[in-house]
Every structure is written in structure tokens, then in C-alpha cells.
Amino acid sequence: MIETDLVVTRLLCAGAHLDSAYCGEVLTELLDQRHRRVAPAFGYDTVAVLAHALESRRRRRLRALALVACVAPLFLAFTDTDRSTIWVCVALWLAWLAVFVERLVRTHTLMTSLPRGGPIYLRPHKALQARAEDISRQQHLDSVYYSGPVPFVGAGTLSRSWSFAIVLRGADGEPERFTADELVDDVCAEMTAILKDLVDEDRRVGTVHIARRRYATRLLPHDTEETDAELARDGYGSARSYATVQVGTWDNELVTSIFVGFDVRADTLYTELHSYVLHPVRAGFHEVDRLPERLGVWAVLLIAVRAPLSAVADIARGLVGFAHTVLPERPKTGVFATSLAAVGSLFVLWSSLADVRWAIGVAVGLWLLPAAVAAGRRLTARRTAERAARRKRDRANSVGARGLKVIDFGARAGVRALGADTRPHNFFQQVDQEKYTKIIERRVTDVIHDFLRGKRVDLSEFDNRRQTVLNYGVLNMGSGQVLNTGAMAVGTTATATRKGS
């Protein structure tokens, strides 16, 4: 069982409250696609993140219902024209009250359910109870079923990758035969002992996890029961076993993952290594660390002042996002102008009914209304095209003479990867990412070297390949001097060998 890190789990739970888009992505991955397997979890608890995403969705739905109720005074403004201004003010005040109460409840939830340095409190939810057991079991399994082209789901972004093949010649007679699984097991065992000393020496290293994981895709007919035994049957030859080494630093916010795979075919050893990095949690999620210890008068007043501003910001982001969806070919200025035109046309039409200058208002509203109608038509056409493309993919994923629809049980994304930032937050995080990648690469190649030597394999070709992948790159010193740190050859038939270390 991987040790759960409360720091990262707390930040992800806070992100479900602070970022509605992230909350929706979590619910889509874990609830809407509940037939899919859960991505591997390293240093966080997926169940806790789902619990707070459900609580956030419930609170936002209540706010939406309250905002819908605020429309009632607007209808009264149409019937009671003498006091239309009063009814509009009442509607605006009720809308502000709904947003203020929602922000106040959110702040209180972050302070009480996600205290700094304390346990994470979960509220019971019917949907959570139905999924908690499966998620708790699947997030720590060593058999990973993925969806898409990349098997290392939830590991972040690719930072480095290399591979090479060597012929297994005997150093003194015939070499001892071995399998790829034996080499993977040896790497896992040796790296466990090596990195244990790294954790003891470097306090910045939070958690280290080493395991042998099996990655595979699995498509089953829709009427087939989804069981571990059924999923274990790999009829497409896609299963691969990798020695997985994961190192968490900076309170496990920065995770470096190394995947090492092998294959032995025709007295040839193929070695591949892929390095992935999970960048720190989004900076906005750290707002939970800046909350006061208790809600005082000044804190409540600050929330009251910021409530309408945050509501306007949310509406603006929603309008721009909507316009980007229906008008992807327009530039940003045109998108924003069209969004304002769609809302402005409705507002001008409404205001013109109670204004003496109704003719001007109606003219302006009718002039702006076609932009909103055109945006709606584009949205309808886009959704129709998406449904047609989805039906086409379903037909392409049919098997058998009867065209049985198949279901992809693989995981698409990890909760931690969805909440990761796009880049490191400072220079030293970038340095640590490269440092631990190179340390693990060097020690892994040393373990492979010792294993092959124990099998009486000639190591000359392996040593040349290892020097090439470890000592790679050309450095420009800035004064016209170029330092080559590896072997260099120019031309289609040229070769080069690096001597020495």
C-alpha cells in the first residue's frame, strides 16, 4: 500500500472547491465513466478528492437554484412598471446574497474539513459509498489498464526517453539464459535497497515507491462482465511489464517516475527507459493555505465585497469559454465581443420595454441579436458533428459478425495529473526533477550491468550504449567553445565511439 500524503490530498480536495472545471473533470473521470479503471495513485487518496468534489458540486447546485429563484422579481418588474427599478434591485440583492452565502460556506468548509496539518474530514454521500471500495482497491493495484496511446496514465508529462538493443554474447563461453521478467524483478529488488538510503540521507525526498507494474489495454463486449480474471486476458498482445520507480519531493508535489522495460528476442536484449514528471499542484489550489484560522468580522466583510466581483469573473470566464466552444476560429477579441453582444442584446431588449426611448433600444437589440443567434446555431452544428463522430467511433470499435459494441475499461486520466500545473513553480524544482531522473537512470543501468555480468554476458556493447545515453548532449560554453559530452559522428554512414568515462 502506497503511503498517502496528506499535503497533496489536501490541496487536491481544496482544488475541487476552488476550481469548478477541475471538479467537473474529477467527477467525469470517477463517476460518469465508472466502468473505467482508476489510474494509479502515488502520494494522494482518490477517495478523499472524490468526496470533496461531490460536496462542491452539491453546493454549486444549491447556488444555481438560488440564482434561478432570483429571476422571480424580474418577472414582477414587467408587470409592475411603476416599481420596476425596485424589483430589479431586489433581484440583484438576492443574487448577491446567494453568491455571498455560497462563498461563505465554501470558506468555512475549507477551514473545517481541510485544516492545515490536520486530518481530512469527509462528508457521507450516496454516490461516494457506491464507489469508495472500488476506487480504494484499484488505485493501488500493480495491474494498470489504460485508454489511449500512452500506457503511463497519471504519470504526468514525458521528460526523457531512450532505448537500445544489444546482442547477448558470452564473455567466456555461452551466456546464461534469462527472461525479461527476471531482469525486471532484479531491478525492482536492487533499486528498493539503493533508494532506501536516498530517503534516509535526503530529507527533501518524501516518498519512494518501487514496483513491477503490468500495463495493458482491454476492450470487452458490452454484455461481458467486468472482472479481474476477464480483464487479465490480453487478446491483443498489448500487455507490458515495467519496473516502476517513483520519487516524490517537495512534499510529494513534484513526482519523478521512471519506467524501465525489457524484452529478450533472438539472443538480443532490448532496453527502454521513459522518464515522466508530475509538476506541482496548481498554484490556485494553495489558496487553502492562506485562509485565516477562524472567520472573523473582517474576513466575512472581505468575502462580502469579493462575492459580486468573483461572480462577475465567473460569468465572464463562462462567456468566453462558451464563445471559444462555438466560435473556435475567431480571435480572442472577436470571441469576447460576440459574447458581450449576445448578453447585451438581451439586456437592451429588456431595458427598452420600461424606457421611453424604446425605439432606440429595440433597434440596438435587434442589431446585436443576430450574433447570439449565429452563436447558437454554431453550437448546435458543433454538437451534431460531435454526436456523429461519436457514433462513427462506436461503429469502428465493433467486433464480430453482429457488430457487438465494445467497452474500453482503461483509465484515461489521473486525479493528480488533472490538478498538476503546466511547469515547475521555481528554478530548484526544475533542478530536482533533472537531478533525480539522472540519479535513477545511473543506478538502474548499474543494476542492469551487474545482472548481465552475473549471467556471463559480454558487456562491451552494453557499456558503449550506456555511455551514449547517460553522457549525452552538446554544451555551448558561450565564448565560441563547444563541449561535446558524448560521442559525435557526422554523415549517414559515420560512426563514433566514446572511450573512457
Protein backbone atom coordinates (compact mmCIF):
# COMPACT_ATOMS: atom_id res chain seq x y z
CA MET A 1 0.00 0.00 0.00
CA ILE A 2 1.39 3.37 -1.03
CA GLU A 3 1.67 5.85 1.82
CA THR A 4 -0.96 8.56 1.42
CA ASP A 5 0.42 12.06 1.58
CA LEU A 6 -1.93 14.44 3.33
CA VAL A 7 -0.34 17.55 1.82
CA VAL A 8 -1.12 16.68 -1.80
CA THR A 9 -4.51 15.15 -0.93
CA ARG A 10 -5.49 18.30 0.95
CA LEU A 11 -4.50 20.53 -1.98
CA LEU A 12 -6.44 18.41 -4.48
CA CYS A 13 -9.50 18.42 -2.24
CA ALA A 14 -9.24 22.20 -1.97
CA GLY A 15 -8.93 22.41 -5.75
CA ALA A 16 -12.27 20.62 -6.11
CA HIS A 17 -13.85 23.51 -4.15
CA LEU A 18 -11.87 26.35 -5.70
CA ASP A 19 -11.88 25.30 -9.37
CA SER A 20 -15.21 24.23 -10.85
CA ALA A 21 -13.54 22.97 -14.04
CA TYR A 22 -11.22 20.66 -12.10
CA CYS A 23 -14.18 19.47 -10.01
CA GLY A 24 -16.07 18.58 -13.18
CA GLU A 25 -13.09 16.67 -14.59
CA VAL A 26 -12.78 14.61 -11.41
CA LEU A 27 -16.48 13.73 -11.40
CA THR A 28 -16.42 12.86 -15.10
CA GLU A 29 -13.46 10.52 -14.70
CA LEU A 30 -14.60 8.79 -11.49
CA LEU A 31 -18.41 8.84 -11.69
CA ASP A 32 -19.60 9.44 -15.23
CA GLN A 33 -17.14 6.83 -16.53
CA ARG A 34 -17.41 4.49 -13.58
CA HIS A 35 -16.87 1.41 -15.73
CA ARG A 36 -13.27 2.54 -16.26
CA ARG A 37 -10.40 1.57 -14.01
CA VAL A 38 -8.86 4.19 -11.74
CA ALA A 39 -5.38 5.49 -12.55
CA PRO A 40 -2.57 4.58 -10.11
CA ALA A 41 -2.37 6.94 -7.13
CA PHE A 42 1.01 7.97 -5.76
CA GLY A 43 1.06 10.17 -2.67
CA TYR A 44 -2.65 11.01 -2.52
CA ASP A 45 -6.06 9.46 -1.81
CA THR A 46 -8.50 9.44 -4.73
CA VAL A 47 -11.50 8.72 -2.49
CA ALA A 48 -10.98 11.91 -0.47
CA VAL A 49 -10.74 14.02 -3.63
CA LEU A 50 -13.95 12.49 -4.97
CA ALA A 51 -15.75 13.14 -1.68
CA HIS A 52 -14.91 16.84 -1.74
CA ALA A 53 -15.75 17.09 -5.45
CA LEU A 54 -19.22 15.73 -4.68
CA GLU A 55 -19.63 18.20 -1.83
CA SER A 56 -18.52 21.05 -4.09
CA ARG A 57 -20.99 20.03 -6.80
CA ARG A 58 -23.83 19.87 -4.27
CA ARG A 59 -23.03 23.36 -3.01
CA ARG A 60 -22.85 24.80 -6.52
CA ARG A 61 -26.17 23.23 -7.45
CA LEU A 62 -27.83 24.87 -4.46
CA ARG A 63 -26.34 28.20 -5.51
CA ALA A 64 -27.68 27.70 -9.03
CA LEU A 65 -31.18 27.02 -7.69
CA ALA A 66 -30.98 30.18 -5.59
CA LEU A 67 -29.90 32.24 -8.60
CA VAL A 68 -32.78 30.84 -10.63
CA ALA A 69 -35.15 31.93 -7.87
CA CYS A 70 -33.77 35.45 -8.22
CA VAL A 71 -35.45 35.67 -11.63
CA ALA A 72 -38.90 35.94 -9.98
CA PRO A 73 -38.52 39.66 -9.11
CA LEU A 74 -37.59 40.32 -12.73
CA PHE A 75 -40.97 38.97 -13.86
CA LEU A 76 -42.62 41.30 -11.37
CA ALA A 77 -40.71 44.17 -12.95
CA PHE A 78 -42.50 43.50 -16.24
CA THR A 79 -45.96 43.61 -14.64
CA ASP A 80 -45.35 46.40 -12.14
CA THR A 81 -43.69 49.02 -14.34
CA ASP A 82 -44.04 51.73 -11.72
CA ARG A 83 -41.72 49.89 -9.35
CA SER A 84 -39.61 48.04 -11.89
CA THR A 85 -36.40 49.61 -10.58
CA ILE A 86 -37.16 48.36 -7.08
CA TRP A 87 -37.78 44.82 -8.30
CA VAL A 88 -34.54 44.86 -10.27
CA CYS A 89 -32.64 45.98 -7.16
CA VAL A 90 -34.32 43.19 -5.18
CA ALA A 91 -33.24 40.62 -7.80
CA LEU A 92 -29.66 41.90 -7.74
CA TRP A 93 -29.58 41.84 -3.95
CA LEU A 94 -30.88 38.26 -3.83
CA ALA A 95 -28.28 37.21 -6.43
CA TRP A 96 -25.52 38.83 -4.36
CA LEU A 97 -26.85 37.09 -1.24
CA ALA A 98 -26.80 33.69 -2.95
CA VAL A 99 -23.22 34.16 -4.14
CA PHE A 100 -22.11 35.54 -0.76
CA VAL A 101 -23.61 32.62 1.18
CA GLU A 102 -22.02 30.12 -1.23
CA ARG A 103 -18.60 31.75 -0.84
CA LEU A 104 -19.00 31.88 2.93
CA VAL A 105 -19.94 28.18 3.11
CA ARG A 106 -17.03 27.29 0.83
CA THR A 107 -14.55 29.16 3.02
CA HIS A 108 -15.95 27.53 6.15
CA THR A 109 -15.70 24.10 4.53
CA LEU A 110 -12.06 24.65 3.57
CA MET A 111 -11.21 25.79 7.09
CA THR A 112 -13.01 23.00 8.96
CA SER A 113 -12.78 19.99 6.62
CA LEU A 114 -9.24 20.69 5.37
CA PRO A 115 -7.36 22.11 8.37
CA ARG A 116 -3.67 22.85 7.97
CA GLY A 117 -1.66 19.92 9.35
CA GLY A 118 -4.77 18.06 10.50
CA PRO A 119 -6.86 15.17 9.19
CA ILE A 120 -9.14 15.44 6.17
CA TYR A 121 -12.83 15.20 7.00
CA LEU A 122 -15.24 13.58 4.54
CA ARG A 123 -18.98 14.08 4.43
CA PRO A 124 -21.04 10.98 3.60
CA HIS A 125 -22.53 10.85 0.13
CA LYS A 126 -24.57 8.14 -1.55
CA ALA A 127 -22.53 8.23 -4.76
CA LEU A 128 -19.30 8.06 -2.73
CA GLN A 129 -20.38 4.98 -0.81
CA ALA A 130 -21.07 3.16 -4.07
CA ARG A 131 -17.61 3.87 -5.49
CA ALA A 132 -15.28 4.19 -2.49
CA GLU A 133 -14.47 0.49 -2.16
CA ASP A 134 -13.63 0.01 -5.85
CA ILE A 135 -11.53 3.17 -6.02
CA SER A 136 -9.60 2.30 -2.85
CA ARG A 137 -8.73 -1.10 -4.28
CA GLN A 138 -7.94 -0.08 -7.85
CA GLN A 139 -5.78 2.98 -7.13
CA HIS A 140 -3.02 0.81 -5.62
CA LEU A 141 -3.11 -2.19 -7.97
CA ASP A 142 0.03 -3.14 -9.87
CA SER A 143 -2.05 -4.07 -12.95
CA VAL A 144 -2.91 -0.90 -14.85
CA TYR A 145 -5.45 -0.80 -17.68
CA TYR A 146 -5.16 2.34 -19.74
CA SER A 147 -7.10 4.04 -22.51
CA GLY A 148 -5.34 5.92 -25.27
CA PRO A 149 -1.92 5.72 -26.86
CA VAL A 150 0.21 6.25 -23.72
CA PRO A 151 0.19 3.48 -21.07
CA PHE A 152 1.62 5.51 -18.18
CA VAL A 153 -1.67 7.14 -17.27
CA GLY A 154 -1.49 9.61 -14.39
CA ALA A 155 2.32 9.88 -14.52
CA GLY A 156 2.39 13.39 -15.95
CA THR A 157 4.37 14.58 -18.95
CA LEU A 158 7.27 12.86 -20.70
CA SER A 159 10.63 14.46 -19.90
CA ARG A 160 13.12 11.95 -21.33
CA SER A 161 13.08 8.63 -23.16
CA TRP A 162 15.69 6.34 -24.63
CA SER A 163 16.14 2.74 -25.73
CA PHE A 164 18.79 0.47 -27.23
CA ALA A 165 19.35 -3.16 -28.16
CA ILE A 166 22.44 -5.31 -27.60
CA VAL A 167 23.39 -8.79 -28.75
CA LEU A 168 23.82 -11.20 -25.83
CA ARG A 169 27.28 -12.64 -26.50
CA GLY A 170 29.11 -14.69 -23.92
CA ALA A 171 32.11 -13.21 -22.14
CA ASP A 172 33.60 -16.65 -21.50
CA GLY A 173 31.66 -19.30 -23.30
CA GLU A 174 27.90 -19.34 -23.67
CA PRO A 175 25.98 -16.80 -21.57
CA GLU A 176 23.37 -17.96 -19.11
CA ARG A 177 19.86 -17.53 -20.43
CA PHE A 178 17.33 -15.34 -18.67
CA THR A 179 13.93 -13.79 -19.25
CA ALA A 180 12.77 -10.20 -19.27
CA ASP A 181 10.65 -10.83 -16.16
CA GLU A 182 13.73 -11.96 -14.23
CA LEU A 183 15.53 -8.74 -15.14
CA VAL A 184 12.53 -6.60 -14.14
CA ASP A 185 12.32 -8.34 -10.76
CA ASP A 186 16.04 -7.88 -10.17
CA VAL A 187 15.84 -4.16 -10.96
CA CYS A 188 12.93 -3.72 -8.54
CA ALA A 189 14.71 -5.59 -5.74
CA GLU A 190 18.05 -3.79 -6.15
CA MET A 191 16.53 -0.32 -6.56
CA THR A 192 14.50 -0.81 -3.39
CA ALA A 193 17.68 -1.26 -1.38
CA ILE A 194 19.51 1.57 -3.17
CA LEU A 195 16.79 4.21 -2.83
CA LYS A 196 16.16 3.37 0.81
CA ASP A 197 19.49 5.04 1.58
CA LEU A 198 18.45 8.03 -0.57
CA VAL A 199 15.36 8.61 1.59
CA ASP A 200 17.40 8.37 4.77
CA GLU A 201 20.04 10.83 3.53
CA ASP A 202 17.89 13.42 1.70
CA ARG A 203 15.10 14.95 3.78
CA ARG A 204 13.61 16.58 0.71
CA VAL A 205 12.59 13.17 -0.60
CA GLY A 206 9.13 12.45 0.77
CA THR A 207 8.06 9.07 -0.62
CA VAL A 208 9.70 6.44 -2.83
CA HIS A 209 7.69 3.66 -4.43
CA ILE A 210 9.17 0.82 -6.47
CA ALA A 211 7.04 -1.89 -8.01
CA ARG A 212 6.60 -4.06 -11.04
CA ARG A 213 3.54 -2.92 -12.94
CA ARG A 214 1.75 -4.51 -15.82
CA TYR A 215 0.22 -2.14 -18.39
CA ALA A 216 -2.39 -3.31 -20.86
CA THR A 217 -5.41 -2.19 -22.81
CA ARG A 218 -8.66 -4.10 -22.66
CA LEU A 219 -11.77 -3.86 -24.85
CA LEU A 220 -14.67 -6.15 -23.97
CA PRO A 221 -18.14 -6.58 -25.46
CA HIS A 222 -20.78 -4.59 -23.63
CA ASP A 223 -22.52 -7.73 -22.34
CA THR A 224 -19.33 -9.20 -20.80
CA GLU A 225 -18.96 -8.98 -17.04
CA GLU A 226 -16.05 -6.76 -15.99
CA THR A 227 -13.96 -8.90 -13.65
CA ASP A 228 -10.27 -9.08 -12.82
CA ALA A 229 -9.99 -12.51 -14.42
CA GLU A 230 -11.66 -11.32 -17.63
CA LEU A 231 -9.55 -8.19 -17.84
CA ALA A 232 -6.37 -10.21 -17.24
CA ARG A 233 -6.87 -11.96 -20.57
CA ASP A 234 -4.99 -9.86 -23.06
CA GLY A 235 -6.07 -10.87 -26.52
CA TYR A 236 -4.28 -8.04 -28.34
CA GLY A 237 -0.72 -8.64 -27.13
CA SER A 238 -0.57 -5.18 -25.59
CA ALA A 239 0.50 -6.16 -22.07
CA ARG A 240 3.93 -4.96 -20.95
CA SER A 241 5.67 -5.20 -17.58
CA TYR A 242 7.80 -2.30 -16.35
CA ALA A 243 9.96 -1.73 -13.32
CA THR A 244 8.44 1.47 -11.95
CA VAL A 245 10.45 3.83 -9.75
CA GLN A 246 8.64 6.89 -8.36
CA VAL A 247 10.26 9.56 -6.20
CA GLY A 248 8.22 12.31 -4.55
CA THR A 249 9.91 15.56 -3.49
CA TRP A 250 8.74 18.97 -2.30
CA ASP A 251 6.11 17.40 -0.02
CA ASN A 252 5.31 14.97 -2.85
CA GLU A 253 4.13 17.82 -5.06
CA LEU A 254 6.90 17.05 -7.55
CA VAL A 255 6.88 13.40 -8.63
CA THR A 256 9.51 11.85 -10.89
CA SER A 257 8.54 8.48 -12.38
CA ILE A 258 10.93 6.16 -14.24
CA PHE A 259 9.59 3.22 -16.24
CA VAL A 260 12.12 0.59 -17.30
CA GLY A 261 11.13 -2.23 -19.65
CA PHE A 262 12.96 -5.15 -21.23
CA ASP A 263 12.44 -7.71 -23.93
CA VAL A 264 14.60 -10.68 -24.92
CA ARG A 265 14.27 -11.88 -28.51
CA ALA A 266 16.68 -13.94 -30.62
CA ASP A 267 19.61 -13.55 -28.19
CA THR A 268 19.06 -9.78 -28.19
CA LEU A 269 18.22 -7.66 -25.15
CA TYR A 270 16.05 -4.61 -25.77
CA THR A 271 16.05 -1.99 -23.00
CA GLU A 272 13.79 1.04 -22.81
CA LEU A 273 13.51 3.80 -20.21
CA HIS A 274 10.88 6.51 -20.00
CA SER A 275 11.02 9.38 -17.51
CA TYR A 276 7.83 11.25 -16.61
CA VAL A 277 7.30 14.17 -14.28
CA LEU A 278 4.25 15.36 -12.38
CA HIS A 279 4.59 19.09 -11.87
CA PRO A 280 3.45 20.69 -8.61
CA VAL A 281 -0.23 21.17 -7.84
CA ARG A 282 -1.74 24.29 -9.42
CA ALA A 283 -0.84 27.49 -7.65
CA GLY A 284 -4.50 28.43 -7.21
CA PHE A 285 -5.11 25.35 -5.06
CA HIS A 286 -2.70 26.76 -2.47
CA GLU A 287 -5.28 29.36 -1.54
CA VAL A 288 -6.36 26.98 1.21
CA ASP A 289 -3.02 27.65 2.91
CA ARG A 290 -3.70 31.39 3.03
CA LEU A 291 -7.04 31.20 4.83
CA PRO A 292 -7.29 32.63 8.38
CA GLU A 293 -7.58 30.33 11.35
CA ARG A 294 -11.13 31.50 12.05
CA LEU A 295 -13.80 33.57 10.31
CA GLY A 296 -13.72 36.98 11.91
CA VAL A 297 -15.70 40.10 11.08
CA TRP A 298 -13.10 41.42 8.64
CA ALA A 299 -12.90 38.06 6.86
CA VAL A 300 -16.67 37.96 6.38
CA LEU A 301 -16.69 41.56 5.11
CA LEU A 302 -13.91 40.72 2.65
CA ILE A 303 -15.93 37.77 1.34
CA ALA A 304 -19.00 40.02 1.04
CA VAL A 305 -17.06 42.55 -1.04
CA ARG A 306 -15.40 39.95 -3.25
CA ALA A 307 -18.55 37.90 -3.82
CA PRO A 308 -20.02 40.04 -6.63
CA LEU A 309 -16.59 40.54 -8.19
CA SER A 310 -15.92 36.80 -8.22
CA ALA A 311 -19.39 36.17 -9.64
CA VAL A 312 -18.75 38.64 -12.48
CA ALA A 313 -15.37 36.98 -13.11
CA ASP A 314 -17.00 33.53 -13.23
CA ILE A 315 -19.65 34.77 -15.66
CA ALA A 316 -17.02 36.41 -17.86
CA ARG A 317 -14.92 33.23 -17.92
CA GLY A 318 -18.02 31.22 -18.75
CA LEU A 319 -18.99 33.55 -21.60
CA VAL A 320 -15.51 33.50 -23.09
CA GLY A 321 -15.35 29.71 -22.72
CA PHE A 322 -18.75 29.38 -24.38
CA ALA A 323 -17.68 31.59 -27.24
CA HIS A 324 -14.44 29.67 -27.68
CA THR A 325 -16.52 26.50 -27.91
CA VAL A 326 -18.94 27.70 -30.57
CA LEU A 327 -16.50 30.01 -32.37
CA PRO A 328 -13.10 28.28 -32.31
CA GLU A 329 -11.95 30.04 -35.47
CA ARG A 330 -12.50 33.58 -34.15
CA PRO A 331 -9.67 35.53 -32.47
CA LYS A 332 -9.95 36.32 -28.76
CA THR A 333 -11.16 39.87 -29.37
CA GLY A 334 -13.92 38.66 -31.64
CA VAL A 335 -14.89 35.95 -29.19
CA PHE A 336 -15.21 38.40 -26.32
CA ALA A 337 -17.10 40.92 -28.46
CA THR A 338 -19.54 38.27 -29.63
CA SER A 339 -20.11 37.12 -26.03
CA LEU A 340 -20.88 40.67 -24.94
CA ALA A 341 -23.14 41.12 -27.95
CA ALA A 342 -25.15 38.01 -27.05
CA VAL A 343 -25.74 39.19 -23.48
CA GLY A 344 -26.01 42.86 -24.39
CA SER A 345 -28.73 42.23 -26.94
CA LEU A 346 -30.96 40.54 -24.37
CA PHE A 347 -30.29 43.26 -21.79
CA VAL A 348 -31.04 46.09 -24.20
CA LEU A 349 -34.25 44.41 -25.33
CA TRP A 350 -35.42 44.00 -21.73
CA SER A 351 -34.50 47.53 -20.69
CA SER A 352 -36.20 49.02 -23.72
CA LEU A 353 -39.61 47.80 -22.53
CA ALA A 354 -39.52 50.12 -19.49
CA ASP A 355 -37.74 53.01 -21.17
CA VAL A 356 -39.27 55.91 -23.02
CA ARG A 357 -36.65 55.57 -25.70
CA TRP A 358 -37.93 52.12 -26.60
CA ALA A 359 -37.40 52.59 -30.29
CA ILE A 360 -33.67 53.11 -29.96
CA GLY A 361 -33.38 50.20 -27.53
CA VAL A 362 -35.27 47.81 -29.76
CA ALA A 363 -33.20 48.84 -32.77
CA VAL A 364 -29.92 48.29 -30.96
CA GLY A 365 -31.14 44.99 -29.52
CA LEU A 366 -32.29 43.70 -32.91
CA TRP A 367 -28.95 44.75 -34.36
CA LEU A 368 -26.98 42.74 -31.78
CA LEU A 369 -29.32 39.75 -31.56
CA PRO A 370 -28.13 38.01 -34.79
CA ALA A 371 -24.71 37.48 -33.22
CA ALA A 372 -26.31 35.49 -30.41
CA VAL A 373 -28.49 33.53 -32.85
CA ALA A 374 -25.46 32.71 -35.00
CA ALA A 375 -23.53 31.53 -31.93
CA GLY A 376 -26.42 29.23 -31.00
CA ARG A 377 -26.52 27.78 -34.50
CA ARG A 378 -22.77 27.12 -34.43
CA LEU A 379 -23.11 25.39 -31.07
CA THR A 380 -25.91 23.17 -32.42
CA ALA A 381 -23.89 22.28 -35.51
CA ARG A 382 -20.81 21.52 -33.41
CA ARG A 383 -22.72 19.22 -31.06
CA THR A 384 -24.34 17.45 -34.02
CA ALA A 385 -20.92 16.84 -35.55
CA GLU A 386 -19.60 15.52 -32.24
CA ARG A 387 -22.50 13.08 -31.93
CA ALA A 388 -21.91 11.87 -35.48
CA ALA A 389 -18.20 11.40 -34.78
CA ARG A 390 -19.02 9.51 -31.59
CA ARG A 391 -21.35 7.15 -33.47
CA LYS A 392 -18.65 6.63 -36.07
CA ARG A 393 -16.12 5.70 -33.37
CA ASP A 394 -18.62 3.28 -31.84
CA ARG A 395 -19.05 1.56 -35.19
CA ALA A 396 -15.29 1.39 -35.62
CA ASN A 397 -14.96 -0.26 -32.20
CA SER A 398 -17.39 -3.05 -33.11
CA VAL A 399 -16.25 -6.68 -33.24
CA GLY A 400 -17.79 -9.87 -34.57
CA ALA A 401 -20.25 -10.56 -37.35
CA ARG A 402 -23.11 -8.96 -35.42
CA GLY A 403 -21.16 -5.77 -34.75
CA LEU A 404 -21.17 -6.04 -30.94
CA LYS A 405 -20.28 -2.78 -29.26
CA VAL A 406 -17.17 -2.97 -27.11
CA ILE A 407 -16.35 -1.04 -23.95
CA ASP A 408 -12.94 0.42 -23.08
CA PHE A 409 -12.26 -0.29 -19.39
CA GLY A 410 -8.93 1.57 -19.33
CA ALA A 411 -8.25 4.66 -17.25
CA ARG A 412 -8.00 7.94 -19.17
CA ALA A 413 -6.50 10.36 -16.63
CA GLY A 414 -5.35 10.53 -13.04
CA VAL A 415 -6.83 12.89 -10.47
CA ARG A 416 -3.35 14.11 -9.55
CA ALA A 417 -2.36 14.76 -13.18
CA LEU A 418 -5.59 16.72 -13.78
CA GLY A 419 -4.64 19.06 -10.93
CA ALA A 420 -0.98 19.49 -11.90
CA ASP A 421 0.43 22.77 -13.13
CA THR A 422 1.98 23.09 -16.56
CA ARG A 423 5.50 23.89 -15.29
CA PRO A 424 7.58 23.93 -12.09
CA HIS A 425 6.95 26.81 -9.69
CA ASN A 426 10.61 27.72 -9.23
CA PHE A 427 14.09 27.03 -10.54
CA PHE A 428 15.05 24.46 -7.91
CA GLN A 429 12.06 22.25 -8.67
CA GLN A 430 13.30 22.05 -12.26
CA VAL A 431 16.78 21.21 -10.98
CA ASP A 432 15.48 18.48 -8.67
CA GLN A 433 13.44 16.96 -11.46
CA GLU A 434 16.52 16.56 -13.64
CA LYS A 435 18.71 15.52 -10.71
CA TYR A 436 16.61 12.59 -9.55
CA THR A 437 16.00 11.48 -13.13
CA LYS A 438 19.74 11.23 -13.75
CA ILE A 439 20.40 9.56 -10.40
CA ILE A 440 17.82 6.86 -11.05
CA GLU A 441 18.99 6.38 -14.63
CA ARG A 442 22.57 5.87 -13.48
CA ARG A 443 21.68 3.42 -10.74
CA VAL A 444 19.29 1.46 -12.96
CA THR A 445 21.96 0.99 -15.63
CA ASP A 446 24.40 -0.12 -12.91
CA VAL A 447 21.90 -2.75 -11.76
CA ILE A 448 21.46 -3.98 -15.34
CA HIS A 449 25.25 -4.10 -15.75
CA ASP A 450 25.67 -6.25 -12.63
CA PHE A 451 22.84 -8.55 -13.68
CA LEU A 452 24.32 -9.16 -17.12
CA ARG A 453 27.76 -9.73 -15.63
CA GLY A 454 26.26 -12.39 -13.36
CA LYS A 455 24.82 -14.06 -16.45
CA ARG A 456 28.31 -14.11 -18.09
CA VAL A 457 27.31 -11.69 -20.87
CA ASP A 458 29.94 -9.71 -22.76
CA LEU A 459 29.48 -6.13 -21.50
CA SER A 460 31.49 -4.19 -24.10
CA GLU A 461 28.47 -3.30 -26.26
CA PHE A 462 26.32 -2.56 -23.23
CA ASP A 463 28.93 -0.19 -21.78
CA ASN A 464 29.13 1.75 -25.05
CA ARG A 465 25.35 2.06 -25.21
CA ARG A 466 25.16 3.11 -21.58
CA GLN A 467 27.76 5.83 -22.02
CA THR A 468 25.83 7.15 -25.01
CA VAL A 469 22.50 7.51 -23.19
CA LEU A 470 23.95 8.76 -19.90
CA ASN A 471 26.55 11.18 -21.26
CA TYR A 472 24.55 12.84 -23.97
CA GLY A 473 24.32 16.39 -25.29
CA VAL A 474 26.44 19.23 -26.67
CA LEU A 475 27.20 22.22 -24.46
CA ASN A 476 27.76 25.70 -25.92
CA MET A 477 30.09 27.48 -23.48
CA GLY A 478 29.13 30.94 -24.81
CA SER A 479 32.58 32.07 -25.99
CA GLY A 480 32.75 30.05 -29.18
CA GLN A 481 33.83 26.89 -27.35
CA VAL A 482 31.61 23.82 -27.85
CA LEU A 483 31.94 20.90 -25.47
CA ASN A 484 30.66 17.53 -26.65
CA THR A 485 29.70 15.32 -23.70
CA GLY A 486 29.09 12.23 -25.80
CA ALA A 487 30.22 10.57 -28.99
CA MET A 488 29.66 12.52 -32.21
CA ALA A 489 29.54 11.41 -35.80
CA VAL A 490 28.60 13.32 -38.97
CA GLY A 491 27.22 11.70 -42.11
CA THR A 492 24.78 8.95 -42.95
CA THR A 493 27.36 6.17 -42.60
CA ALA A 494 29.58 7.71 -39.96
CA THR A 495 30.03 6.08 -36.53
CA ALA A 496 31.61 7.24 -33.28
CA THR A 497 32.58 5.54 -30.06
CA ARG A 498 33.17 7.30 -26.75
CA LYS A 499 36.20 5.98 -24.85
CA GLY A 500 36.65 6.46 -21.17
CA SER A 501 34.15 7.66 -18.61
